[in-house]
C-alpha atoms as a PDB file:
ATOM      1  CA  ASP A   1     -15.106  37.262   9.967  1.00  0.00           C
ATOM      2  CA  LEU A   2     -11.473  36.506   9.035  1.00  0.00           C
ATOM      3  CA  ARG A   3     -12.092  32.940   7.819  1.00  0.00           C
ATOM      4  CA  GLY A   4     -14.747  34.039   5.420  1.00  0.00           C
ATOM      5  CA  PHE A   5     -12.505  36.850   4.124  1.00  0.00           C
ATOM      6  CA  GLU A   6      -9.672  34.379   3.617  1.00  0.00           C
ATOM      7  CA  VAL A   7     -11.963  31.999   1.688  1.00  0.00           C
ATOM      8  CA  VAL A   8     -13.095  34.859  -0.569  1.00  0.00           C
ATOM      9  CA  ARG A   9      -9.499  35.959  -1.094  1.00  0.00           C
ATOM     10  CA  GLN A  10      -8.347  32.461  -2.011  1.00  0.00           C
ATOM     11  CA  VAL A  11     -11.218  31.891  -4.493  1.00  0.00           C
ATOM     12  CA  ARG A  12     -10.551  35.311  -6.057  1.00  0.00           C
ATOM     13  CA  ASP A  13      -6.774  34.475  -6.415  1.00  0.00           C
ATOM     14  CA  LEU A  14      -7.639  31.126  -7.961  1.00  0.00           C
ATOM     15  CA  ALA A  15      -9.970  32.821 -10.358  1.00  0.00           C
ATOM     16  CA  ARG A  16      -7.092  35.216 -11.461  1.00  0.00           C
ATOM     17  CA  ALA A  17      -4.653  32.317 -11.729  1.00  0.00           C
ATOM     18  CA  GLN A  18      -7.012  30.172 -13.755  1.00  0.00           C
ATOM     19  CA  ASN A  19      -8.410  33.152 -15.643  1.00  0.00           C
ATOM     20  CA  SER A  20     -11.892  31.790 -14.908  1.00  0.00           C
ATOM     21  CA  ALA A  21     -14.969  34.049 -15.012  1.00  0.00           C
ATOM     22  CA  ALA A  22     -17.016  31.390 -13.223  1.00  0.00           C
ATOM     23  CA  LEU A  23     -14.569  31.424 -10.192  1.00  0.00           C
ATOM     24  CA  ALA A  24     -14.514  35.197 -10.226  1.00  0.00           C
ATOM     25  CA  GLN A  25     -18.261  35.229 -10.098  1.00  0.00           C
ATOM     26  CA  LEU A  26     -18.242  32.700  -7.232  1.00  0.00           C
ATOM     27  CA  ALA A  27     -15.725  34.943  -5.346  1.00  0.00           C
ATOM     28  CA  GLN A  28     -17.998  37.928  -5.827  1.00  0.00           C
ATOM     29  CA  ARG A  29     -21.019  35.949  -4.594  1.00  0.00           C
ATOM     30  CA  LEU A  30     -18.963  34.770  -1.559  1.00  0.00           C
ATOM     31  CA  ALA A  31     -17.979  38.305  -0.744  1.00  0.00           C
ATOM     32  CA  SER A  32     -21.581  39.517  -0.961  1.00  0.00           C
ATOM     33  CA  ALA A  33     -22.711  36.558   1.185  1.00  0.00           C
ATOM     34  CA  GLU A  34     -19.992  37.350   3.762  1.00  0.00           C
ATOM     35  CA  ARG A  35     -21.223  40.927   3.989  1.00  0.00           C
ATOM     36  CA  GLY A  36     -24.826  39.687   4.168  1.00  0.00           C
ATOM     37  CA  GLY A  37     -24.415  38.291   7.659  1.00  0.00           C
ATOM     38  CA  ALA A  38     -26.335  35.356   9.192  1.00  0.00           C
ATOM     39  CA  ASP A  39     -24.939  32.076   8.114  1.00  0.00           C
ATOM     40  CA  PRO A  40     -22.312  32.755   5.364  1.00  0.00           C
ATOM     41  CA  PHE A  41     -21.258  29.174   5.013  1.00  0.00           C
ATOM     42  CA  ALA A  42     -24.814  27.968   4.167  1.00  0.00           C
ATOM     43  CA  LYS A  43     -24.860  30.445   1.295  1.00  0.00           C
ATOM     44  CA  VAL A  44     -21.321  29.446   0.380  1.00  0.00           C
ATOM     45  CA  LYS A  45     -22.320  25.786   0.355  1.00  0.00           C
ATOM     46  CA  GLY A  46     -25.209  26.710  -1.912  1.00  0.00           C
ATOM     47  CA  LEU A  47     -22.930  28.726  -4.146  1.00  0.00           C
ATOM     48  CA  VAL A  48     -20.395  25.924  -4.329  1.00  0.00           C
ATOM     49  CA  GLU A  49     -23.116  23.446  -5.094  1.00  0.00           C
ATOM     50  CA  ASP A  50     -24.420  25.685  -7.860  1.00  0.00           C
ATOM     51  CA  MET A  51     -20.900  26.010  -9.265  1.00  0.00           C
ATOM     52  CA  ILE A  52     -20.441  22.220  -9.185  1.00  0.00           C
ATOM     53  CA  GLU A  53     -23.801  21.709 -11.054  1.00  0.00           C
ATOM     54  CA  LYS A  54     -22.747  24.341 -13.612  1.00  0.00           C
ATOM     55  CA  LEU A  55     -19.364  22.731 -14.168  1.00  0.00           C
ATOM     56  CA  GLU A  56     -20.910  19.283 -14.492  1.00  0.00           C
ATOM     57  CA  ALA A  57     -23.382  20.613 -17.091  1.00  0.00           C
ATOM     58  CA  GLU A  58     -20.448  22.140 -18.943  1.00  0.00           C
ATOM     59  CA  ALA A  59     -18.521  18.891 -18.774  1.00  0.00           C
ATOM     60  CA  GLU A  60     -21.461  17.005 -20.053  1.00  0.00           C
ATOM     61  CA  ALA A  61     -21.893  19.472 -23.000  1.00  0.00           C
ATOM     62  CA  ASP A  62     -18.152  19.128 -23.771  1.00  0.00           C
ATOM     63  CA  ALA A  63     -18.473  15.269 -23.688  1.00  0.00           C
ATOM     64  CA  THR A  64     -21.387  15.470 -26.122  1.00  0.00           C
ATOM     65  CA  LYS A  65     -19.376  17.742 -28.406  1.00  0.00           C
ATOM     66  CA  LYS A  66     -16.370  15.395 -28.183  1.00  0.00           C
ATOM     67  CA  ALA A  67     -18.581  12.369 -29.082  1.00  0.00           C
ATOM     68  CA  TYR A  68     -19.980  14.231 -32.062  1.00  0.00           C
ATOM     69  CA  CYS A  69     -16.404  15.232 -33.211  1.00  0.00           C
ATOM     70  CA  ASP A  70     -15.135  11.719 -32.691  1.00  0.00           C
ATOM     71  CA  LYS A  71     -18.068  10.317 -34.815  1.00  0.00           C
ATOM     72  CA  GLU A  72     -17.498  12.852 -37.521  1.00  0.00           C
ATOM     73  CA  LEU A  73     -13.747  12.272 -37.560  1.00  0.00           C
ATOM     74  CA  ALA A  74     -14.283   8.500 -37.915  1.00  0.00           C
ATOM     75  CA  GLU A  75     -16.745   9.020 -40.781  1.00  0.00           C
ATOM     76  CA  THR A  76     -14.300  11.415 -42.476  1.00  0.00           C
ATOM     77  CA  ASN A  77     -11.442   9.011 -42.127  1.00  0.00           C
ATOM     78  CA  GLU A  78     -13.574   6.180 -43.577  1.00  0.00           C
ATOM     79  CA  LYS A  79     -14.548   8.381 -46.585  1.00  0.00           C
ATOM     80  CA  LYS A  80     -10.874   9.390 -47.034  1.00  0.00           C
ATOM     81  CA  THR A  81      -9.784   5.697 -47.051  1.00  0.00           C
ATOM     82  CA  ASP A  82     -12.574   4.897 -49.655  1.00  0.00           C
ATOM     83  CA  LYS A  83     -11.566   7.845 -51.825  1.00  0.00           C
ATOM     84  CA  THR A  84      -7.891   6.886 -51.550  1.00  0.00           C
ATOM     85  CA  ALA A  85      -8.750   3.322 -52.762  1.00  0.00           C
ATOM     86  CA  GLU A  86     -10.786   4.681 -55.629  1.00  0.00           C
ATOM     87  CA  ILE A  87      -7.949   6.975 -56.651  1.00  0.00           C
ATOM     88  CA  GLY A  88      -5.637   3.963 -56.693  1.00  0.00           C
ATOM     89  CA  LYS A  89      -8.023   2.078 -58.871  1.00  0.00           C
ATOM     90  CA  LEU A  90      -8.500   4.900 -61.286  1.00  0.00           C
ATOM     91  CA  THR A  91      -4.788   5.633 -61.473  1.00  0.00           C
ATOM     92  CA  THR A  92      -4.165   1.901 -62.409  1.00  0.00           C
ATOM     93  CA  LYS A  93      -6.900   2.096 -65.087  1.00  0.00           C
ATOM     94  CA  ILE A  94      -5.329   5.403 -66.461  1.00  0.00           C
ATOM     95  CA  ASP A  95      -1.964   3.695 -66.605  1.00  0.00           C
ATOM     96  CA  GLN A  96      -3.380   0.731 -68.417  1.00  0.00           C
ATOM     97  CA  MET A  97      -5.204   2.858 -70.877  1.00  0.00           C
ATOM     98  CA  THR A  98      -2.110   4.998 -71.511  1.00  0.00           C
ATOM     99  CA  ALA A  99      -0.124   1.831 -72.298  1.00  0.00           C
ATOM    100  CA  ARG A 100      -2.861   0.639 -74.620  1.00  0.00           C
ATOM    101  CA  SER A 101      -2.941   4.024 -76.321  1.00  0.00           C
ATOM    102  CA  THR A 102       0.818   3.906 -76.828  1.00  0.00           C
ATOM    103  CA  THR A 103       0.530   0.370 -78.336  1.00  0.00           C
ATOM    104  CA  LEU A 104      -2.229   1.489 -80.681  1.00  0.00           C
ATOM    105  CA  LYS A 105      -0.264   4.556 -81.830  1.00  0.00           C
ATOM    106  CA  GLU A 106       2.673   2.289 -82.676  1.00  0.00           C
ATOM    107  CA  GLU A 107       0.344   0.015 -84.595  1.00  0.00           C
ATOM    108  CA  VAL A 108      -1.094   2.899 -86.433  1.00  0.00           C
ATOM    109  CA  ALA A 109       2.396   4.211 -87.389  1.00  0.00           C
ATOM    110  CA  ALA A 110       3.386   0.785 -88.681  1.00  0.00           C
ATOM    111  CA  LEU A 111       0.182   0.448 -90.721  1.00  0.00           C
ATOM    112  CA  GLN A 112       0.662   3.934 -92.147  1.00  0.00           C
ATOM    113  CA  LYS A 113       4.174   3.046 -93.199  1.00  0.00           C
ATOM    114  CA  ALA A 114       2.986  -0.148 -94.821  1.00  0.00           C
ATOM    115  CA  LEU A 115       0.195   1.774 -96.579  1.00  0.00           C
ATOM    116  CA  ALA A 116       2.725   4.292 -97.840  1.00  0.00           C
ATOM    117  CA  LYS A 117       4.827   1.443 -99.221  1.00  0.00           C
ATOM    118  CA  LEU A 118       1.709  -0.072-100.881  1.00  0.00           C
ATOM    119  CA  ALA A 119       0.745   3.324-102.333  1.00  0.00           C
ATOM    120  CA  ALA A 120       4.336   3.778-103.690  1.00  0.00           C
ATOM    121  CA  ALA A 121       4.361   0.250-105.214  1.00  0.00           C
ATOM    122  CA  GLN A 122       0.872   0.899-106.706  1.00  0.00           C
ATOM    123  CA  ALA A 123       2.091   4.115-108.234  1.00  0.00           C
ATOM    124  CA  GLU A 124       5.224   2.427-109.646  1.00  0.00           C
ATOM    125  CA  MET A 125       2.985  -0.382-111.168  1.00  0.00           C
ATOM    126  CA  ASP A 126       0.636   2.193-112.655  1.00  0.00           C
ATOM    127  CA  LYS A 127       3.642   4.035-114.128  1.00  0.00           C
ATOM    128  CA  LEU A 128       5.025   0.802-115.695  1.00  0.00           C
ATOM    129  CA  ARG A 129       1.557  -0.172-116.938  1.00  0.00           C
ATOM    130  CA  GLY A 130       1.198   3.233-118.484  1.00  0.00           C
ATOM    131  CA  GLU A 131       4.603   2.934-120.156  1.00  0.00           C
ATOM    132  CA  GLU A 132       3.825  -0.561-121.443  1.00  0.00           C
ATOM    133  CA  HIS A 133       0.418   0.603-122.726  1.00  0.00           C
ATOM    134  CA  GLU A 134       2.101   3.551-124.570  1.00  0.00           C
ATOM    135  CA  ALA A 135       4.559   1.113-126.022  1.00  0.00           C
ATOM    136  CA  TYR A 136       1.749  -1.188-127.029  1.00  0.00           C
ATOM    137  CA  LEU A 137      -0.239   1.626-128.663  1.00  0.00           C
ATOM    138  CA  SER A 138       2.764   2.847-130.653  1.00  0.00           C
ATOM    139  CA  ASN A 139       3.673  -0.713-131.731  1.00  0.00           C
ATOM    140  CA  LYS A 140       0.103  -1.878-132.457  1.00  0.00           C
ATOM    141  CA  ASP A 141      -0.054  -0.435-135.937  1.00  0.00           C
ATOM    142  CA  ASP A 142       3.282  -1.996-136.777  1.00  0.00           C
ATOM    143  CA  MET A 143       2.165  -5.390-135.425  1.00  0.00           C
ATOM    144  CA  GLU A 144      -1.176  -5.375-137.235  1.00  0.00           C
ATOM    145  CA  ARG A 145       0.569  -4.581-140.558  1.00  0.00           C
ATOM    146  CA  GLY A 146       3.040  -7.400-139.904  1.00  0.00           C
ATOM    147  CA  LEU A 147       0.205  -9.850-139.488  1.00  0.00           C
ATOM    148  CA  GLN A 148      -1.391  -8.922-142.776  1.00  0.00           C
END
């Protein structure tokens, strides 16, 4: 029958154009049904209905996968937002602590400079006291003789 052959040819061409294995399988089943005889369109209808059910099942599976991916993407974006906010807080804290560290280093340097001045003044006073003590010891005998 020419109509049946034409249907098979069109489905086969569509399968090649779409690069669809499912359509190629449908075309093969149509061709075998066409060769089978009796009522080829009853079998064709059955094959088309089977193909529709299969495509609907695939679409449902794809929708389920998409819903899962959308959910995971939303959770990931929420986590990313939380982590970005946490990074901002920690960066601010680091900046504050760095500024505090710089201030403390400056204070330490000033205190060390003052301590060095104090140590130098103490050394100078110790030196003067030592010289005065030496002078006292050397003049002590003379002063004690002068008092007698």
